[in-house]
C-alpha atoms as a PDB file:
ATOM      1  CA  MET A   1     -40.841  55.309  28.216  1.00  0.00           C
ATOM      2  CA  LYS A   2     -41.237  54.038  24.427  1.00  0.00           C
ATOM      3  CA  ASN A   3     -37.399  55.475  24.202  1.00  0.00           C
ATOM      4  CA  THR A   4     -36.622  53.635  27.497  1.00  0.00           C
ATOM      5  CA  LEU A   5     -38.231  50.248  26.409  1.00  0.00           C
ATOM      6  CA  LEU A   6     -36.543  50.436  22.979  1.00  0.00           C
ATOM      7  CA  ILE A   7     -33.301  50.914  24.257  1.00  0.00           C
ATOM      8  CA  LEU A   8     -33.426  48.123  26.694  1.00  0.00           C
ATOM      9  CA  ILE A   9     -34.677  45.543  23.902  1.00  0.00           C
ATOM     10  CA  LEU A  10     -32.014  47.127  21.818  1.00  0.00           C
ATOM     11  CA  THR A  11     -29.755  47.031  24.250  1.00  0.00           C
ATOM     12  CA  ILE A  12     -30.725  43.125  24.920  1.00  0.00           C
ATOM     13  CA  THR A  13     -30.855  41.965  20.925  1.00  0.00           C
ATOM     14  CA  LEU A  14     -27.185  43.573  20.805  1.00  0.00           C
ATOM     15  CA  SER A  15     -26.059  41.367  23.792  1.00  0.00           C
ATOM     16  CA  CYS A  16     -27.321  38.198  22.444  1.00  0.00           C
ATOM     17  CA  CYS A  17     -25.859  38.725  19.384  1.00  0.00           C
ATOM     18  CA  LYS A  18     -22.244  40.018  20.832  1.00  0.00           C
ATOM     19  CA  ASN A  19     -22.451  36.285  22.819  1.00  0.00           C
ATOM     20  CA  ASP A  20     -23.464  34.220  19.881  1.00  0.00           C
ATOM     21  CA  LEU A  21     -20.965  36.094  18.025  1.00  0.00           C
ATOM     22  CA  LYS A  22     -18.125  35.212  20.907  1.00  0.00           C
ATOM     23  CA  ASN A  23     -18.847  31.814  21.144  1.00  0.00           C
ATOM     24  CA  GLN A  24     -18.620  31.331  17.264  1.00  0.00           C
ATOM     25  CA  VAL A  25     -15.143  32.454  17.076  1.00  0.00           C
ATOM     26  CA  LYS A  26     -14.212  30.286  19.934  1.00  0.00           C
ATOM     27  CA  THR A  27     -15.863  27.397  18.015  1.00  0.00           C
ATOM     28  CA  ASP A  28     -13.772  28.393  15.003  1.00  0.00           C
ATOM     29  CA  ILE A  29     -10.600  28.726  16.680  1.00  0.00           C
ATOM     30  CA  GLU A  30     -11.141  25.582  18.461  1.00  0.00           C
ATOM     31  CA  LYS A  31     -11.380  23.740  15.188  1.00  0.00           C
ATOM     32  CA  THR A  32      -8.255  25.442  13.618  1.00  0.00           C
ATOM     33  CA  GLU A  33      -6.134  24.407  16.525  1.00  0.00           C
ATOM     34  CA  ILE A  34      -7.796  20.586  16.024  1.00  0.00           C
ATOM     35  CA  ASN A  35      -6.553  20.731  12.695  1.00  0.00           C
ATOM     36  CA  LYS A  36      -2.960  21.631  13.018  1.00  0.00           C
ATOM     37  CA  GLU A  37      -2.363  18.631  15.218  1.00  0.00           C
ATOM     38  CA  LEU A  38      -1.386  14.972  13.426  1.00  0.00           C
ATOM     39  CA  ARG A  39      -2.660  12.442  15.057  1.00  0.00           C
ATOM     40  CA  PHE A  40      -1.336   8.779  14.529  1.00  0.00           C
ATOM     41  CA  SER A  41      -2.427   5.530  14.794  1.00  0.00           C
ATOM     42  CA  LEU A  42      -1.099   2.056  13.633  1.00  0.00           C
ATOM     43  CA  TYR A  43      -2.602  -0.636  12.642  1.00  0.00           C
ATOM     44  CA  ASN A  44      -2.140  -4.588  12.330  1.00  0.00           C
ATOM     45  CA  SER A  45      -3.612  -6.022   9.719  1.00  0.00           C
ATOM     46  CA  THR A  46      -2.078  -9.434   9.693  1.00  0.00           C
ATOM     47  CA  GLU A  47      -3.150 -12.686  11.445  1.00  0.00           C
ATOM     48  CA  PHE A  48      -0.179 -12.199  14.111  1.00  0.00           C
ATOM     49  CA  GLU A  49       0.363 -10.799  17.485  1.00  0.00           C
ATOM     50  CA  LEU A  50       3.052  -8.636  17.683  1.00  0.00           C
ATOM     51  CA  ASN A  51       4.775  -7.333  20.244  1.00  0.00           C
ATOM     52  CA  ASN A  52       7.176  -5.276  21.689  1.00  0.00           C
ATOM     53  CA  ILE A  53       6.607  -2.304  18.624  1.00  0.00           C
ATOM     54  CA  THR A  54       8.889   0.730  18.352  1.00  0.00           C
ATOM     55  CA  ILE A  55       7.458   3.429  15.877  1.00  0.00           C
ATOM     56  CA  GLY A  56      10.109   5.648  15.265  1.00  0.00           C
ATOM     57  CA  LEU A  57       9.057   9.120  13.602  1.00  0.00           C
ATOM     58  CA  PRO A  58      10.879  12.379  13.258  1.00  0.00           C
ATOM     59  CA  ASP A  59       9.754  13.700  17.192  1.00  0.00           C
ATOM     60  CA  THR A  60       8.648  10.604  18.512  1.00  0.00           C
ATOM     61  CA  VAL A  61       9.166   7.582  19.167  1.00  0.00           C
ATOM     62  CA  LEU A  62       5.922   5.279  19.753  1.00  0.00           C
ATOM     63  CA  THR A  63       5.799   2.465  21.994  1.00  0.00           C
ATOM     64  CA  TYR A  64       3.430  -0.526  22.409  1.00  0.00           C
ATOM     65  CA  GLU A  65       3.553  -3.650  24.604  1.00  0.00           C
ATOM     66  CA  ARG A  66       1.155  -5.913  22.099  1.00  0.00           C
ATOM     67  CA  LEU A  67      -1.167  -5.317  19.594  1.00  0.00           C
ATOM     68  CA  GLU A  68      -3.326  -8.181  18.559  1.00  0.00           C
ATOM     69  CA  LYS A  69      -4.405  -9.247  15.013  1.00  0.00           C
ATOM     70  CA  ASN A  70      -6.393  -7.319  12.705  1.00  0.00           C
ATOM     71  CA  THR A  71      -6.454  -4.178  15.437  1.00  0.00           C
ATOM     72  CA  GLN A  72      -5.212  -1.099  15.501  1.00  0.00           C
ATOM     73  CA  THR A  73      -3.738   1.370  18.651  1.00  0.00           C
ATOM     74  CA  GLU A  74      -5.804   4.088  19.472  1.00  0.00           C
ATOM     75  CA  TRP A  75      -4.941   7.795  17.792  1.00  0.00           C
ATOM     76  CA  THR A  76      -1.803   9.537  19.321  1.00  0.00           C
ATOM     77  CA  ASN A  77      -1.198  13.491  19.094  1.00  0.00           C
ATOM     78  CA  ILE A  78       2.557  13.891  17.397  1.00  0.00           C
ATOM     79  CA  GLU A  79       4.572  16.343  15.972  1.00  0.00           C
ATOM     80  CA  SER A  80       4.839  14.988  12.302  1.00  0.00           C
ATOM     81  CA  ALA A  81       5.435  12.132  10.296  1.00  0.00           C
ATOM     82  CA  TYR A  82       6.516  11.183   6.798  1.00  0.00           C
ATOM     83  CA  TYR A  83       4.693   8.377   4.963  1.00  0.00           C
ATOM     84  CA  TYR A  84       6.635   5.572   6.034  1.00  0.00           C
ATOM     85  CA  GLY A  85       8.995   5.733   9.024  1.00  0.00           C
ATOM     86  CA  PHE A  86      11.243   3.432  11.478  1.00  0.00           C
ATOM     87  CA  VAL A  87       8.651   0.248  12.608  1.00  0.00           C
ATOM     88  CA  ARG A  88      10.396  -2.853  15.006  1.00  0.00           C
ATOM     89  CA  PHE A  89       7.935  -5.604  16.398  1.00  0.00           C
ATOM     90  CA  TYR A  90       8.622  -9.251  17.447  1.00  0.00           C
ATOM     91  CA  ASP A  91       6.150 -11.989  17.138  1.00  0.00           C
ATOM     92  CA  LYS A  92       5.377 -14.556  19.431  1.00  0.00           C
ATOM     93  CA  ALA A  93       8.492 -16.942  18.917  1.00  0.00           C
ATOM     94  CA  LYS A  94      10.594 -13.921  19.470  1.00  0.00           C
ATOM     95  CA  ARG A  95      11.518 -13.186  15.943  1.00  0.00           C
ATOM     96  CA  LYS A  96      12.319  -9.586  15.124  1.00  0.00           C
ATOM     97  CA  TYR A  97      11.200  -7.992  12.334  1.00  0.00           C
ATOM     98  CA  TYR A  98      12.169  -4.118  11.121  1.00  0.00           C
ATOM     99  CA  VAL A  99      12.021  -1.653   8.890  1.00  0.00           C
ATOM    100  CA  GLN A 100      15.041   1.426   9.103  1.00  0.00           C
ATOM    101  CA  PRO A 101      14.227   3.963   6.582  1.00  0.00           C
ATOM    102  CA  ILE A 102      17.424   5.186   4.682  1.00  0.00           C
ATOM    103  CA  ASP A 103      16.579   9.152   4.685  1.00  0.00           C
ATOM    104  CA  TYR A 104      13.648  11.007   4.188  1.00  0.00           C
ATOM    105  CA  VAL A 105      15.147  13.071   1.184  1.00  0.00           C
ATOM    106  CA  GLY A 106      12.634  14.676  -1.112  1.00  0.00           C
ATOM    107  CA  GLU A 107       9.454  13.175   0.999  1.00  0.00           C
ATOM    108  CA  LYS A 108       6.421  15.282   2.357  1.00  0.00           C
ATOM    109  CA  LEU A 109       6.543  16.055   6.333  1.00  0.00           C
ATOM    110  CA  TYR A 110       2.841  15.249   7.076  1.00  0.00           C
ATOM    111  CA  LYS A 111       2.199  18.015  10.258  1.00  0.00           C
ATOM    112  CA  LYS A 112      -1.985  17.464  10.468  1.00  0.00           C
ATOM    113  CA  GLY A 113      -4.467  15.440   9.793  1.00  0.00           C
ATOM    114  CA  GLU A 114      -3.930  11.631  10.455  1.00  0.00           C
ATOM    115  CA  MET A 115      -1.455   9.173   9.721  1.00  0.00           C
ATOM    116  CA  LYS A 116      -2.058   5.504   9.798  1.00  0.00           C
ATOM    117  CA  PHE A 117       0.730   3.052   9.249  1.00  0.00           C
ATOM    118  CA  ILE A 118      -0.425  -0.544   8.512  1.00  0.00           C
ATOM    119  CA  ILE A 119       1.692  -3.588   9.148  1.00  0.00           C
ATOM    120  CA  LYS A 120       0.664  -6.702   6.288  1.00  0.00           C
ATOM    121  CA  ASP A 121       2.065  -9.578   4.736  1.00  0.00           C
ATOM    122  CA  ILE A 122       4.191 -10.636   7.709  1.00  0.00           C
ATOM    123  CA  ASP A 123       7.158 -13.253   5.927  1.00  0.00           C
ATOM    124  CA  THR A 124       8.206 -15.372   8.942  1.00  0.00           C
ATOM    125  CA  ILE A 125      10.509 -17.250   6.956  1.00  0.00           C
ATOM    126  CA  LYS A 126      12.241 -14.035   6.103  1.00  0.00           C
ATOM    127  CA  GLN A 127      11.315 -11.992   9.008  1.00  0.00           C
ATOM    128  CA  ILE A 128       9.934  -9.311   6.826  1.00  0.00           C
ATOM    129  CA  PHE A 129       6.689  -7.718   6.214  1.00  0.00           C
ATOM    130  CA  GLU A 130       5.039  -4.681   4.149  1.00  0.00           C
ATOM    131  CA  LEU A 131       4.648  -1.333   5.459  1.00  0.00           C
ATOM    132  CA  ASP A 132       1.890   0.561   4.008  1.00  0.00           C
ATOM    133  CA  SER A 133       0.609   4.330   5.118  1.00  0.00           C
ATOM    134  CA  LYS A 134      -3.042   5.719   5.059  1.00  0.00           C
ATOM    135  CA  TYR A 135      -2.990   9.515   5.138  1.00  0.00           C
ATOM    136  CA  PRO A 136      -6.134  11.419   3.733  1.00  0.00           C
ATOM    137  CA  THR A 137      -5.235  13.543   0.740  1.00  0.00           C
ATOM    138  CA  GLU A 138      -5.132  17.402   1.209  1.00  0.00           C
END
């Protein structure tokens, strides 16, 4: 009787430990999968509303209809990005602004984490702007 009770207790204990281990492995795999993704967002730090926005990244083209002043888009999963890229938008007066990179020679390609392009310092006379990026250091 004691042996049967001991075997039952050991079986229940081992079963519980096995389930805990399975759940821990599943959680670790999910965290690893999340870290393999690159999330992208665009932030408008200017006092202008931006319209018909196009962002050109190595594997993706993102478009946004409108981005209010001092606001950010939702995070989007993408394949990869460089520290800068193609950006085009229009202001309310329908003036076109854009940055067109020549090439990415020597630049690092990012494939995981969070990348944010920041539009700032719009010059409406010259129709230029400053593009900055934010990426956490590895």
